[in-house]
PDB file of N, CA and C in Angstrom:
ATOM      1  N   MET A   1      17.638  13.101  -9.593  1.00  0.00           N
ATOM      2  CA  MET A   1      17.158  13.992  -9.719  1.00  0.00           C
ATOM      3  C   MET A   1      15.729  14.429  -7.959  1.00  0.00           C
ATOM      4  N   ASN A   2      16.052  15.886  -7.961  1.00  0.00           N
ATOM      5  CA  ASN A   2      15.800  16.280  -6.374  1.00  0.00           C
ATOM      6  C   ASN A   2      13.519  15.778  -6.479  1.00  0.00           C
ATOM      7  N   LYS A   3      13.668  15.635  -4.931  1.00  0.00           N
ATOM      8  CA  LYS A   3      12.332  16.137  -4.775  1.00  0.00           C
ATOM      9  C   LYS A   3      11.927  17.480  -4.973  1.00  0.00           C
ATOM     10  N   PRO A   4      10.604  17.575  -4.614  1.00  0.00           N
ATOM     11  CA  PRO A   4      10.237  18.677  -5.265  1.00  0.00           C
ATOM     12  C   PRO A   4       9.586  19.666  -3.530  1.00  0.00           C
ATOM     13  N   ASP A   5       9.752  20.393  -3.474  1.00  0.00           N
ATOM     14  CA  ASP A   5      10.094  21.231  -1.797  1.00  0.00           C
ATOM     15  C   ASP A   5       8.268  21.539  -1.172  1.00  0.00           C
ATOM     16  N   THR A   6       7.722  21.322  -2.824  1.00  0.00           N
ATOM     17  CA  THR A   6       6.011  21.427  -2.452  1.00  0.00           C
ATOM     18  C   THR A   6       5.066  20.723  -2.912  1.00  0.00           C
ATOM     19  N   TYR A   7       4.060  19.790  -2.479  1.00  0.00           N
ATOM     20  CA  TYR A   7       3.025  19.083  -3.169  1.00  0.00           C
ATOM     21  C   TYR A   7       2.465  19.566  -4.347  1.00  0.00           C
ATOM     22  N   VAL A   8       2.722  18.815  -5.242  1.00  0.00           N
ATOM     23  CA  VAL A   8       2.118  19.022  -6.421  1.00  0.00           C
ATOM     24  C   VAL A   8       0.394  18.895  -6.260  1.00  0.00           C
ATOM     25  N   GLY A   9      -0.349  18.759  -5.524  1.00  0.00           N
ATOM     26  CA  GLY A   9      -1.904  19.187  -5.327  1.00  0.00           C
ATOM     27  C   GLY A   9      -2.628  17.646  -6.147  1.00  0.00           C
ATOM     28  N   ILE A  10      -3.913  17.288  -5.411  1.00  0.00           N
ATOM     29  CA  ILE A  10      -4.235  15.831  -5.942  1.00  0.00           C
ATOM     30  C   ILE A  10      -4.616  15.718  -7.214  1.00  0.00           C
ATOM     31  N   ASN A  11      -4.772  17.036  -7.809  1.00  0.00           N
ATOM     32  CA  ASN A  11      -5.471  17.519  -9.220  1.00  0.00           C
ATOM     33  C   ASN A  11      -4.132  16.395 -10.129  1.00  0.00           C
ATOM     34  N   ASN A  12      -2.861  16.725  -9.539  1.00  0.00           N
ATOM     35  CA  ASN A  12      -1.864  16.784 -10.494  1.00  0.00           C
ATOM     36  C   ASN A  12      -1.051  15.117 -10.325  1.00  0.00           C
ATOM     37  N   GLU A  13      -1.469  14.899  -9.713  1.00  0.00           N
ATOM     38  CA  GLU A  13      -0.716  13.549  -9.535  1.00  0.00           C
ATOM     39  C   GLU A  13      -0.917  12.183 -10.101  1.00  0.00           C
ATOM     40  N   ILE A  14       0.650  11.253  -9.738  1.00  0.00           N
ATOM     41  CA  ILE A  14       0.466  10.440 -10.485  1.00  0.00           C
ATOM     42  C   ILE A  14      -0.874   9.648 -10.115  1.00  0.00           C
ATOM     43  N   ASN A  15      -1.083   8.871 -11.010  1.00  0.00           N
ATOM     44  CA  ASN A  15      -1.738   7.501 -10.650  1.00  0.00           C
ATOM     45  C   ASN A  15      -3.225   8.342 -10.201  1.00  0.00           C
ATOM     46  N   GLY A  16      -3.575   8.892 -11.095  1.00  0.00           N
ATOM     47  CA  GLY A  16      -4.560   9.614 -10.575  1.00  0.00           C
ATOM     48  C   GLY A  16      -5.155   9.694  -9.075  1.00  0.00           C
ATOM     49  N   GLY A  17      -4.160  10.620  -8.474  1.00  0.00           N
ATOM     50  CA  GLY A  17      -4.286  10.215  -7.184  1.00  0.00           C
ATOM     51  C   GLY A  17      -4.454   9.590  -6.410  1.00  0.00           C
ATOM     52  N   MET A  18      -4.585   8.188  -6.425  1.00  0.00           N
ATOM     53  CA  MET A  18      -4.369   7.528  -5.756  1.00  0.00           C
ATOM     54  C   MET A  18      -2.821   6.833  -4.836  1.00  0.00           C
ATOM     55  N   THR A  19      -2.402   8.348  -4.424  1.00  0.00           N
ATOM     56  CA  THR A  19      -0.966   7.569  -3.829  1.00  0.00           C
ATOM     57  C   THR A  19      -1.513   8.067  -1.820  1.00  0.00           C
ATOM     58  N   THR A  20      -0.498   8.014  -1.511  1.00  0.00           N
ATOM     59  CA  THR A  20      -0.925   7.720  -0.015  1.00  0.00           C
ATOM     60  C   THR A  20      -0.992   9.268   0.868  1.00  0.00           C
ATOM     61  N   ILE A  21      -0.873  10.401  -0.444  1.00  0.00           N
ATOM     62  CA  ILE A  21      -1.088  11.854   0.267  1.00  0.00           C
ATOM     63  C   ILE A  21      -2.143  12.123  -0.203  1.00  0.00           C
ATOM     64  N   GLY A  22      -2.534  11.328  -1.604  1.00  0.00           N
ATOM     65  CA  GLY A  22      -4.057  11.460  -2.489  1.00  0.00           C
ATOM     66  C   GLY A  22      -5.177  10.712  -1.121  1.00  0.00           C
ATOM     67  N   LYS A  23      -4.560   9.883  -0.343  1.00  0.00           N
ATOM     68  CA  LYS A  23      -5.667   9.361   0.351  1.00  0.00           C
ATOM     69  C   LYS A  23      -5.886   9.739   1.299  1.00  0.00           C
ATOM     70  N   ILE A  24      -5.039  10.780   2.033  1.00  0.00           N
ATOM     71  CA  ILE A  24      -5.140  11.332   3.188  1.00  0.00           C
ATOM     72  C   ILE A  24      -5.930  12.767   3.222  1.00  0.00           C
ATOM     73  N   ILE A  25      -5.803  13.725   2.029  1.00  0.00           N
ATOM     74  CA  ILE A  25      -6.481  14.509   1.212  1.00  0.00           C
ATOM     75  C   ILE A  25      -7.725  13.819   1.201  1.00  0.00           C
ATOM     76  N   ARG A  26      -8.552  12.900   0.607  1.00  0.00           N
ATOM     77  CA  ARG A  26      -9.612  12.641   0.258  1.00  0.00           C
ATOM     78  C   ARG A  26     -10.159  11.820   2.222  1.00  0.00           C
ATOM     79  N   ASP A  27      -9.347  11.520   2.508  1.00  0.00           N
ATOM     80  CA  ASP A  27      -9.298  11.459   4.197  1.00  0.00           C
ATOM     81  C   ASP A  27     -10.066  12.912   4.700  1.00  0.00           C
ATOM     82  N   ALA A  28      -9.324  13.666   4.634  1.00  0.00           N
ATOM     83  CA  ALA A  28      -9.571  14.921   5.084  1.00  0.00           C
ATOM     84  C   ALA A  28     -10.609  15.496   4.623  1.00  0.00           C
ATOM     85  N   TRP A  29     -10.999  15.501   3.224  1.00  0.00           N
ATOM     86  CA  TRP A  29     -12.307  16.181   3.179  1.00  0.00           C
ATOM     87  C   TRP A  29     -13.744  15.179   3.661  1.00  0.00           C
ATOM     88  N   VAL A  30     -13.476  13.263   3.735  1.00  0.00           N
ATOM     89  CA  VAL A  30     -14.186  12.705   4.576  1.00  0.00           C
ATOM     90  C   VAL A  30     -15.153  13.874   6.154  1.00  0.00           C
ATOM     91  N   PHE A  31     -13.548  13.751   6.374  1.00  0.00           N
ATOM     92  CA  PHE A  31     -13.790  13.895   8.477  1.00  0.00           C
ATOM     93  C   PHE A  31     -14.175  15.908   8.109  1.00  0.00           C
ATOM     94  N   GLY A  32     -14.115  16.485   7.196  1.00  0.00           N
ATOM     95  CA  GLY A  32     -14.423  18.121   7.112  1.00  0.00           C
ATOM     96  C   GLY A  32     -12.982  18.613   7.597  1.00  0.00           C
ATOM     97  N   ILE A  33     -12.218  17.595   7.570  1.00  0.00           N
ATOM     98  CA  ILE A  33     -10.653  18.133   7.633  1.00  0.00           C
ATOM     99  C   ILE A  33     -10.369  19.846   7.026  1.00  0.00           C
ATOM    100  N   LEU A  34     -10.410  19.568   5.899  1.00  0.00           N
ATOM    101  CA  LEU A  34      -9.681  19.894   4.693  1.00  0.00           C
ATOM    102  C   LEU A  34     -11.231  20.143   4.045  1.00  0.00           C
ATOM    103  N   ASP A  35     -12.021  21.536   3.496  1.00  0.00           N
ATOM    104  CA  ASP A  35     -12.934  21.875   2.433  1.00  0.00           C
ATOM    105  C   ASP A  35     -12.374  20.424   1.237  1.00  0.00           C
ATOM    106  N   GLU A  36     -13.727  20.222   0.261  1.00  0.00           N
ATOM    107  CA  GLU A  36     -13.366  19.646  -0.960  1.00  0.00           C
ATOM    108  C   GLU A  36     -12.708  20.099  -2.133  1.00  0.00           C
ATOM    109  N   SER A  37     -12.556  21.406  -2.164  1.00  0.00           N
ATOM    110  CA  SER A  37     -12.275  22.009  -2.723  1.00  0.00           C
ATOM    111  C   SER A  37      -9.801  22.575  -2.679  1.00  0.00           C
ATOM    112  N   GLU A  38      -9.625  22.104  -1.793  1.00  0.00           N
ATOM    113  CA  GLU A  38      -8.541  21.964  -1.475  1.00  0.00           C
ATOM    114  C   GLU A  38      -7.924  20.554  -1.960  1.00  0.00           C
ATOM    115  N   THR A  39      -6.622  21.170  -2.509  1.00  0.00           N
ATOM    116  CA  THR A  39      -6.074  20.099  -3.435  1.00  0.00           C
ATOM    117  C   THR A  39      -4.650  20.076  -2.891  1.00  0.00           C
ATOM    118  N   CYS A  40      -4.738  20.795  -1.925  1.00  0.00           N
ATOM    119  CA  CYS A  40      -3.412  20.926  -1.454  1.00  0.00           C
ATOM    120  C   CYS A  40      -2.095  20.814  -2.122  1.00  0.00           C
ATOM    121  N   GLN A  41      -2.023  21.986  -3.640  1.00  0.00           N
ATOM    122  CA  GLN A  41      -1.026  22.393  -4.228  1.00  0.00           C
ATOM    123  C   GLN A  41      -0.742  23.604  -3.846  1.00  0.00           C
ATOM    124  N   GLY A  42       1.290  23.462  -3.772  1.00  0.00           N
ATOM    125  CA  GLY A  42       1.924  24.132  -3.029  1.00  0.00           C
ATOM    126  C   GLY A  42       2.674  23.753  -2.196  1.00  0.00           C
ATOM    127  N   TRP A  43       2.076  23.069  -1.160  1.00  0.00           N
ATOM    128  CA  TRP A  43       1.602  23.367   0.716  1.00  0.00           C
ATOM    129  C   TRP A  43       3.384  22.206   0.170  1.00  0.00           C
ATOM    130  N   ASN A  44       3.984  22.623   1.599  1.00  0.00           N
ATOM    131  CA  ASN A  44       5.321  21.747   2.065  1.00  0.00           C
ATOM    132  C   ASN A  44       4.111  20.839   2.726  1.00  0.00           C
ATOM    133  N   LEU A  45       5.434  19.674   3.066  1.00  0.00           N
ATOM    134  CA  LEU A  45       5.433  18.030   3.421  1.00  0.00           C
ATOM    135  C   LEU A  45       4.943  18.560   4.608  1.00  0.00           C
ATOM    136  N   ALA A  46       5.600  19.465   5.463  1.00  0.00           N
ATOM    137  CA  ALA A  46       4.917  19.713   7.011  1.00  0.00           C
ATOM    138  C   ALA A  46       4.101  20.050   6.934  1.00  0.00           C
ATOM    139  N   GLY A  47       2.988  20.541   6.254  1.00  0.00           N
ATOM    140  CA  GLY A  47       1.644  20.754   5.988  1.00  0.00           C
ATOM    141  C   GLY A  47       0.999  20.069   5.813  1.00  0.00           C
ATOM    142  N   ILE A  48       1.227  18.425   4.917  1.00  0.00           N
ATOM    143  CA  ILE A  48       0.229  17.313   4.217  1.00  0.00           C
ATOM    144  C   ILE A  48       1.255  17.136   6.488  1.00  0.00           C
ATOM    145  N   ASP A  49       1.783  16.648   6.936  1.00  0.00           N
ATOM    146  CA  ASP A  49       2.096  16.290   7.810  1.00  0.00           C
ATOM    147  C   ASP A  49       0.826  16.177   9.099  1.00  0.00           C
ATOM    148  N   GLY A  50       0.627  17.870   8.235  1.00  0.00           N
ATOM    149  CA  GLY A  50      -0.143  18.006  10.511  1.00  0.00           C
ATOM    150  C   GLY A  50      -1.892  17.625   9.736  1.00  0.00           C
ATOM    151  N   VAL A  51      -2.143  17.977   8.653  1.00  0.00           N
ATOM    152  CA  VAL A  51      -3.486  16.730   7.799  1.00  0.00           C
ATOM    153  C   VAL A  51      -3.434  15.579   8.131  1.00  0.00           C
ATOM    154  N   LEU A  52      -2.546  14.903   8.060  1.00  0.00           N
ATOM    155  CA  LEU A  52      -2.466  13.293   7.957  1.00  0.00           C
ATOM    156  C   LEU A  52      -2.471  13.387   9.697  1.00  0.00           C
ATOM    157  N   GLN A  53      -1.976  13.708  10.794  1.00  0.00           N
ATOM    158  CA  GLN A  53      -2.385  13.924  12.198  1.00  0.00           C
ATOM    159  C   GLN A  53      -3.877  14.029  12.633  1.00  0.00           C
ATOM    160  N   LYS A  54      -4.224  15.112  12.229  1.00  0.00           N
ATOM    161  CA  LYS A  54      -5.447  15.524  11.677  1.00  0.00           C
ATOM    162  C   LYS A  54      -6.701  13.848  11.429  1.00  0.00           C
ATOM    163  N   VAL A  55      -6.637  13.325  10.326  1.00  0.00           N
ATOM    164  CA  VAL A  55      -6.968  12.707  10.209  1.00  0.00           C
ATOM    165  C   VAL A  55      -6.610  11.341  10.805  1.00  0.00           C
ATOM    166  N   ASN A  56      -5.712  11.453  11.051  1.00  0.00           N
ATOM    167  CA  ASN A  56      -5.030  10.084  12.294  1.00  0.00           C
ATOM    168  C   ASN A  56      -6.231   9.562  13.778  1.00  0.00           C
ATOM    169  N   ASN A  57      -6.062  11.456  14.209  1.00  0.00           N
ATOM    170  CA  ASN A  57      -7.094  11.330  15.048  1.00  0.00           C
ATOM    171  C   ASN A  57      -8.588  11.098  15.011  1.00  0.00           C
ATOM    172  N   GLU A  58      -9.254  11.397  13.918  1.00  0.00           N
ATOM    173  CA  GLU A  58     -10.384  11.304  13.365  1.00  0.00           C
ATOM    174  C   GLU A  58     -10.622   9.145  13.469  1.00  0.00           C
ATOM    175  N   TRP A  59     -10.117   8.919  12.212  1.00  0.00           N
ATOM    176  CA  TRP A  59     -10.118   7.299  12.363  1.00  0.00           C
ATOM    177  C   TRP A  59      -9.941   6.961  13.446  1.00  0.00           C
ATOM    178  N   ASP A  60      -9.335   7.164  14.394  1.00  0.00           N
ATOM    179  CA  ASP A  60      -9.177   6.744  15.732  1.00  0.00           C
ATOM    180  C   ASP A  60      -9.922   6.501  16.818  1.00  0.00           C
ATOM    181  N   LYS A  61     -11.133   7.154  16.217  1.00  0.00           N
ATOM    182  CA  LYS A  61     -12.301   7.086  16.322  1.00  0.00           C
ATOM    183  C   LYS A  61     -13.242   5.905  16.473  1.00  0.00           C
ATOM    184  N   TYR A  62     -12.927   5.981  14.851  1.00  0.00           N
ATOM    185  CA  TYR A  62     -13.771   4.966  14.512  1.00  0.00           C
ATOM    186  C   TYR A  62     -13.066   3.390  14.155  1.00  0.00           C
ATOM    187  N   GLY A  63     -12.026   3.472  15.321  1.00  0.00           N
ATOM    188  CA  GLY A  63     -10.932   2.214  14.766  1.00  0.00           C
ATOM    189  C   GLY A  63     -10.741   2.192  13.310  1.00  0.00           C
ATOM    190  N   CYS A  64     -10.297   2.835  13.009  1.00  0.00           N
ATOM    191  CA  CYS A  64      -9.814   3.033  11.290  1.00  0.00           C
ATOM    192  C   CYS A  64     -10.370   2.109  10.541  1.00  0.00           C
ATOM    193  N   LEU A  65     -11.808   2.002  11.023  1.00  0.00           N
ATOM    194  CA  LEU A  65     -12.627   1.284  10.049  1.00  0.00           C
ATOM    195  C   LEU A  65     -13.567   2.184   9.417  1.00  0.00           C
ATOM    196  N   VAL A  66     -14.107   1.661   8.020  1.00  0.00           N
ATOM    197  CA  VAL A  66     -15.628   2.626   7.432  1.00  0.00           C
ATOM    198  C   VAL A  66     -16.332   1.841   7.994  1.00  0.00           C
ATOM    199  N   SER A  67     -16.260   0.379   7.923  1.00  0.00           N
ATOM    200  CA  SER A  67     -17.702   0.540   8.371  1.00  0.00           C
ATOM    201  C   SER A  67     -18.176   0.665  10.142  1.00  0.00           C
ATOM    202  N   GLN A  68     -16.962   1.360  11.183  1.00  0.00           N
ATOM    203  CA  GLN A  68     -17.687   2.431  12.216  1.00  0.00           C
ATOM    204  C   GLN A  68     -17.847   3.506  12.256  1.00  0.00           C
ATOM    205  N   LEU A  69     -17.964   3.679  10.543  1.00  0.00           N
ATOM    206  CA  LEU A  69     -18.083   5.287  10.751  1.00  0.00           C
ATOM    207  C   LEU A  69     -19.609   5.062  10.486  1.00  0.00           C
ATOM    208  N   PRO A  70     -19.904   7.113  11.650  1.00  0.00           N
ATOM    209  CA  PRO A  70     -21.621   7.554  11.740  1.00  0.00           C
ATOM    210  C   PRO A  70     -21.855   7.047   9.475  1.00  0.00           C
ATOM    211  N   PRO A  71     -23.483   6.941   9.933  1.00  0.00           N
ATOM    212  CA  PRO A  71     -24.024   6.569   8.299  1.00  0.00           C
ATOM    213  C   PRO A  71     -23.685   7.957   7.708  1.00  0.00           C
ATOM    214  N   GLU A  72     -23.581   9.028   8.488  1.00  0.00           N
ATOM    215  CA  GLU A  72     -23.220  10.272   7.385  1.00  0.00           C
ATOM    216  C   GLU A  72     -21.639  10.454   6.539  1.00  0.00           C
ATOM    217  N   LEU A  73     -20.822  10.009   7.572  1.00  0.00           N
ATOM    218  CA  LEU A  73     -19.420  10.085   7.230  1.00  0.00           C
ATOM    219  C   LEU A  73     -19.494   8.404   6.374  1.00  0.00           C
ATOM    220  N   ALA A  74     -20.105   7.587   6.402  1.00  0.00           N
ATOM    221  CA  ALA A  74     -19.533   6.275   5.666  1.00  0.00           C
ATOM    222  C   ALA A  74     -20.081   7.151   4.562  1.00  0.00           C
ATOM    223  N   LYS A  75     -21.300   7.678   4.188  1.00  0.00           N
ATOM    224  CA  LYS A  75     -21.532   8.266   2.786  1.00  0.00           C
ATOM    225  C   LYS A  75     -21.039   9.010   2.165  1.00  0.00           C
ATOM    226  N   ARG A  76     -20.208   9.556   2.847  1.00  0.00           N
ATOM    227  CA  ARG A  76     -19.384  10.680   2.269  1.00  0.00           C
ATOM    228  C   ARG A  76     -18.181   9.597   1.905  1.00  0.00           C
ATOM    229  N   HIS A  77     -17.552   8.977   2.959  1.00  0.00           N
ATOM    230  CA  HIS A  77     -16.659   8.168   2.295  1.00  0.00           C
ATOM    231  C   HIS A  77     -16.908   7.668   0.861  1.00  0.00           C
ATOM    232  N   ARG A  78     -17.979   6.563   1.251  1.00  0.00           N
ATOM    233  CA  ARG A  78     -18.478   6.268  -0.819  1.00  0.00           C
ATOM    234  C   ARG A  78     -18.183   6.863  -1.515  1.00  0.00           C
ATOM    235  N   GLU A  79     -19.237   8.525  -1.144  1.00  0.00           N
ATOM    236  CA  GLU A  79     -19.008   8.788  -2.354  1.00  0.00           C
ATOM    237  C   GLU A  79     -17.670   9.562  -2.915  1.00  0.00           C
ATOM    238  N   ILE A  80     -16.449  10.473  -1.929  1.00  0.00           N
ATOM    239  CA  ILE A  80     -15.734  10.672  -2.466  1.00  0.00           C
ATOM    240  C   ILE A  80     -14.885   9.510  -2.697  1.00  0.00           C
ATOM    241  N   HIS A  81     -14.388   8.398  -2.691  1.00  0.00           N
ATOM    242  CA  HIS A  81     -13.888   7.688  -2.766  1.00  0.00           C
ATOM    243  C   HIS A  81     -13.838   7.342  -3.658  1.00  0.00           C
ATOM    244  N   TYR A  82     -15.196   6.735  -4.199  1.00  0.00           N
ATOM    245  CA  TYR A  82     -15.750   6.291  -5.453  1.00  0.00           C
ATOM    246  C   TYR A  82     -15.458   7.316  -6.356  1.00  0.00           C
ATOM    247  N   LYS A  83     -15.611   8.582  -6.244  1.00  0.00           N
ATOM    248  CA  LYS A  83     -15.552   9.331  -7.754  1.00  0.00           C
ATOM    249  C   LYS A  83     -14.322   9.541  -7.733  1.00  0.00           C
ATOM    250  N   ALA A  84     -13.233   9.231  -6.854  1.00  0.00           N
ATOM    251  CA  ALA A  84     -12.088   9.401  -6.868  1.00  0.00           C
ATOM    252  C   ALA A  84     -11.352   8.381  -7.724  1.00  0.00           C
ATOM    253  N   PHE A  85     -12.156   6.799  -7.310  1.00  0.00           N
ATOM    254  CA  PHE A  85     -11.571   5.422  -8.112  1.00  0.00           C
ATOM    255  C   PHE A  85     -12.278   5.661  -9.711  1.00  0.00           C
ATOM    256  N   GLN A  86     -13.184   6.469  -9.792  1.00  0.00           N
ATOM    257  CA  GLN A  86     -13.176   6.574 -11.103  1.00  0.00           C
ATOM    258  C   GLN A  86     -12.843   7.367 -12.273  1.00  0.00           C
ATOM    259  N   GLN A  87     -12.486   8.964 -11.291  1.00  0.00           N
ATOM    260  CA  GLN A  87     -11.112   9.398 -11.550  1.00  0.00           C
ATOM    261  C   GLN A  87      -9.967   8.929 -12.200  1.00  0.00           C
ATOM    262  N   ALA A  88      -9.568   8.005 -11.134  1.00  0.00           N
ATOM    263  CA  ALA A  88      -8.465   7.398 -11.173  1.00  0.00           C
ATOM    264  C   ALA A  88      -7.905   6.421 -12.304  1.00  0.00           C
ATOM    265  N   LYS A  89      -9.482   5.682 -12.241  1.00  0.00           N
ATOM    266  CA  LYS A  89      -9.641   4.791 -13.703  1.00  0.00           C
ATOM    267  C   LYS A  89      -9.634   5.638 -15.023  1.00  0.00           C
ATOM    268  N   GLU A  90      -9.842   6.588 -15.317  1.00  0.00           N
ATOM    269  CA  GLU A  90     -10.159   6.961 -16.042  1.00  0.00           C
ATOM    270  C   GLU A  90      -8.845   8.342 -16.900  1.00  0.00           C
ATOM    271  N   ALA A  91      -7.824   7.876 -15.927  1.00  0.00           N
ATOM    272  CA  ALA A  91      -6.215   8.710 -15.734  1.00  0.00           C
ATOM    273  C   ALA A  91      -5.386   7.687 -15.970  1.00  0.00           C
ATOM    274  N   GLY A  92      -6.314   6.108 -15.909  1.00  0.00           N
ATOM    275  CA  GLY A  92      -4.929   5.064 -16.553  1.00  0.00           C
ATOM    276  C   GLY A  92      -4.634   4.299 -15.213  1.00  0.00           C
ATOM    277  N   TRP A  93      -4.929   4.517 -14.043  1.00  0.00           N
ATOM    278  CA  TRP A  93      -4.952   3.817 -13.276  1.00  0.00           C
ATOM    279  C   TRP A  93      -5.192   2.413 -12.940  1.00  0.00           C
ATOM    280  N   SER A  94      -5.090   1.004 -12.433  1.00  0.00           N
ATOM    281  CA  SER A  94      -6.245   0.234 -12.486  1.00  0.00           C
ATOM    282  C   SER A  94      -5.345  -0.635 -10.967  1.00  0.00           C
ATOM    283  N   GLY A  95      -4.853  -0.665 -10.225  1.00  0.00           N
ATOM    284  CA  GLY A  95      -4.680  -1.103  -8.801  1.00  0.00           C
ATOM    285  C   GLY A  95      -3.768  -1.489  -8.686  1.00  0.00           C
ATOM    286  N   GLU A  96      -2.923  -2.258  -9.767  1.00  0.00           N
ATOM    287  CA  GLU A  96      -2.339  -3.242  -9.670  1.00  0.00           C
ATOM    288  C   GLU A  96      -0.934  -2.852  -9.193  1.00  0.00           C
ATOM    289  N   ILE A  97      -0.588  -1.377  -9.045  1.00  0.00           N
ATOM    290  CA  ILE A  97       0.955  -1.652  -8.134  1.00  0.00           C
ATOM    291  C   ILE A  97       0.432  -1.377  -7.346  1.00  0.00           C
ATOM    292  N   GLU A  98      -0.717  -1.491  -6.417  1.00  0.00           N
ATOM    293  CA  GLU A  98      -0.696  -1.876  -5.325  1.00  0.00           C
ATOM    294  C   GLU A  98      -1.071  -3.103  -4.796  1.00  0.00           C
ATOM    295  N   THR A  99      -1.435  -3.921  -5.726  1.00  0.00           N
ATOM    296  CA  THR A  99      -1.074  -5.606  -5.533  1.00  0.00           C
ATOM    297  C   THR A  99      -0.441  -5.963  -5.546  1.00  0.00           C
ATOM    298  N   ASP A 100       0.872  -5.672  -6.666  1.00  0.00           N
ATOM    299  CA  ASP A 100       2.024  -6.117  -7.641  1.00  0.00           C
ATOM    300  C   ASP A 100       2.539  -7.318  -6.545  1.00  0.00           C
ATOM    301  N   ASP A 101       2.919  -7.156  -5.290  1.00  0.00           N
ATOM    302  CA  ASP A 101       3.622  -7.991  -4.676  1.00  0.00           C
ATOM    303  C   ASP A 101       3.177  -9.238  -3.935  1.00  0.00           C
ATOM    304  N   GLU A 102       1.085  -8.754  -4.249  1.00  0.00           N
ATOM    305  CA  GLU A 102       0.527 -10.145  -3.659  1.00  0.00           C
ATOM    306  C   GLU A 102       0.706 -11.501  -3.973  1.00  0.00           C
ATOM    307  N   ASP A 103       1.523 -11.877  -5.508  1.00  0.00           N
ATOM    308  CA  ASP A 103       1.724 -13.360  -5.494  1.00  0.00           C
ATOM    309  C   ASP A 103       2.843 -13.547  -5.146  1.00  0.00           C
ATOM    310  N   GLU A 104       3.414 -12.734  -4.527  1.00  0.00           N
ATOM    311  CA  GLU A 104       4.348 -13.811  -4.258  1.00  0.00           C
ATOM    312  C   GLU A 104       5.098 -14.154  -2.547  1.00  0.00           C
TER     313      GLU A 104
END
């Protein structure tokens, strides 16, 4: 099976968008790199990689820790990610994929 040439968009992602690319997009929303209406649907991987670099640059300013974000950004982070968790749970995501190897 061939990989698609373009990204399906965060709203069409598996696991309710609880993927690496989904997290990058949500963090880009938090930092104002992307507008919250931007799903990145149809983007190529180079475009996603460019967003990743910008997101990483922002996280570096705060030691990659949510606890180090200024209050306004911390609030945005909580709101955006909480909403995503709720939507993913409604779509059937449980988080087990991320923790399956912790029992080994």
